[in-house]
Amino acid sequence: MVLRNKLKKTGRTVFRVNECFLKLKGALQVNLKKLKPEEKVNLSINMTDVCVQVCADGIRDQNRNITEVQLREEVRRRIMHQKRRHCEV
C-alpha cells in the first residue's frame, strides 16, 4: 500500500515503470528461443535503457533542482553501487 501511494505522487516515474512493464510483457509473450541473437541484444538494451530512465526520473523527483551533470553522476553512482552489492550477496 505504501508503494502504491508513493507511485501516485510521482507521475513521471509511474509512466516509466508502466512503459517498462509493457515492454517486458511484450517480450515475455514472444518465445525468446525463436528470437535472433540481434533481437535478443536489442531487447536487453531497450530494457536497460528504460531501467536507467526510471532511475533518473526517481532522482529528478527527489531533487527538483538537479543539473544534468549531477543527474548523470548520481545515476552512475546508484547503478554501480547496485552492481557491487549484487556481487557481494
Protein backbone atom coordinates (compact mmCIF):
# COMPACT_ATOMS: atom_id res chain seq x y z
CA MET A 1 0.00 0.00 0.00
CA VAL A 2 2.86 2.39 0.79
CA LEU A 3 4.40 1.71 -2.62
CA ARG A 4 1.11 2.46 -4.34
CA ASN A 5 0.80 5.81 -2.50
CA LYS A 6 4.39 6.71 -3.40
CA LEU A 7 3.78 5.86 -7.06
CA LYS A 8 0.75 8.13 -7.20
CA LYS A 9 2.89 11.09 -6.14
CA THR A 10 5.47 10.63 -8.89
CA GLY A 11 3.63 10.62 -12.20
CA ARG A 12 6.73 10.60 -14.42
CA THR A 13 8.19 7.59 -12.63
CA VAL A 14 4.88 5.72 -12.82
CA PHE A 15 4.80 6.31 -16.56
CA ARG A 16 8.33 4.89 -16.95
CA VAL A 17 7.50 1.86 -14.81
CA ASN A 18 4.38 1.22 -16.87
CA GLU A 19 6.38 1.62 -20.08
CA CYS A 20 8.98 -0.84 -18.83
CA PHE A 21 6.27 -3.28 -17.76
CA LEU A 22 4.58 -3.15 -21.16
CA LYS A 23 7.86 -3.76 -22.96
CA LEU A 24 8.66 -6.65 -20.64
CA LYS A 25 5.16 -8.08 -21.02
CA GLY A 26 5.53 -7.95 -24.81
CA ALA A 27 8.94 -9.60 -24.55
CA LEU A 28 7.61 -12.41 -22.41
CA GLN A 29 4.80 -13.09 -24.87
CA VAL A 30 7.39 -13.70 -27.58
CA ASN A 31 9.13 -17.03 -27.44
CA LEU A 32 12.69 -15.98 -26.64
CA LYS A 33 14.10 -19.11 -28.24
CA LYS A 34 12.71 -18.01 -31.59
CA LEU A 35 14.35 -14.59 -31.49
CA LYS A 36 17.50 -13.94 -33.45
CA PRO A 37 20.59 -13.09 -31.39
CA GLU A 38 20.45 -9.46 -32.59
CA GLU A 39 16.83 -9.19 -31.44
CA LYS A 40 17.72 -10.54 -28.01
CA VAL A 41 20.52 -7.99 -27.68
CA ASN A 42 18.23 -5.14 -28.80
CA LEU A 43 15.56 -6.25 -26.32
CA SER A 44 18.04 -6.29 -23.44
CA ILE A 45 19.42 -2.87 -24.44
CA ASN A 46 15.91 -1.40 -24.55
CA MET A 47 15.03 -2.82 -21.14
CA THR A 48 18.29 -1.49 -19.69
CA ASP A 49 17.59 1.95 -21.15
CA VAL A 50 14.13 2.01 -19.58
CA CYS A 51 15.57 0.99 -16.20
CA VAL A 52 18.14 3.80 -16.37
CA GLN A 53 15.36 6.26 -17.25
CA VAL A 54 13.29 5.06 -14.28
CA CYS A 55 16.30 5.60 -12.02
CA ALA A 56 16.90 9.07 -13.47
CA ASP A 57 13.23 10.03 -13.08
CA GLY A 58 13.32 8.90 -9.46
CA ILE A 59 16.36 11.07 -8.80
CA ARG A 60 14.69 14.04 -10.53
CA ASP A 61 11.59 13.55 -8.38
CA GLN A 62 13.72 13.60 -5.23
CA ASN A 63 15.87 16.56 -6.35
CA ARG A 64 13.90 19.05 -8.41
CA ASN A 65 16.84 21.42 -9.00
CA ILE A 66 19.45 18.84 -10.03
CA THR A 67 21.62 19.62 -13.05
CA GLU A 68 22.14 17.16 -15.90
CA VAL A 69 25.77 16.59 -14.88
CA GLN A 70 24.78 15.87 -11.28
CA LEU A 71 21.96 13.63 -12.51
CA ARG A 72 24.32 11.54 -14.66
CA GLU A 73 26.77 11.20 -11.77
CA GLU A 74 24.02 10.11 -9.36
CA VAL A 75 22.56 7.57 -11.81
CA ARG A 76 26.04 6.17 -12.40
CA ARG A 77 26.70 6.00 -8.65
CA ARG A 78 23.44 4.17 -7.94
CA ILE A 79 23.89 1.68 -10.74
CA MET A 80 27.50 0.95 -9.80
CA HIS A 81 26.51 0.59 -6.14
CA GLN A 82 23.88 -1.98 -7.11
CA LYS A 83 26.40 -3.95 -9.19
CA ARG A 84 28.89 -4.11 -6.31
CA ARG A 85 26.20 -5.07 -3.85
CA HIS A 86 24.95 -7.82 -6.15
CA CYS A 87 28.44 -9.32 -6.33
CA GLU A 88 28.74 -9.35 -2.55
CA VAL A 89 25.47 -11.17 -1.94
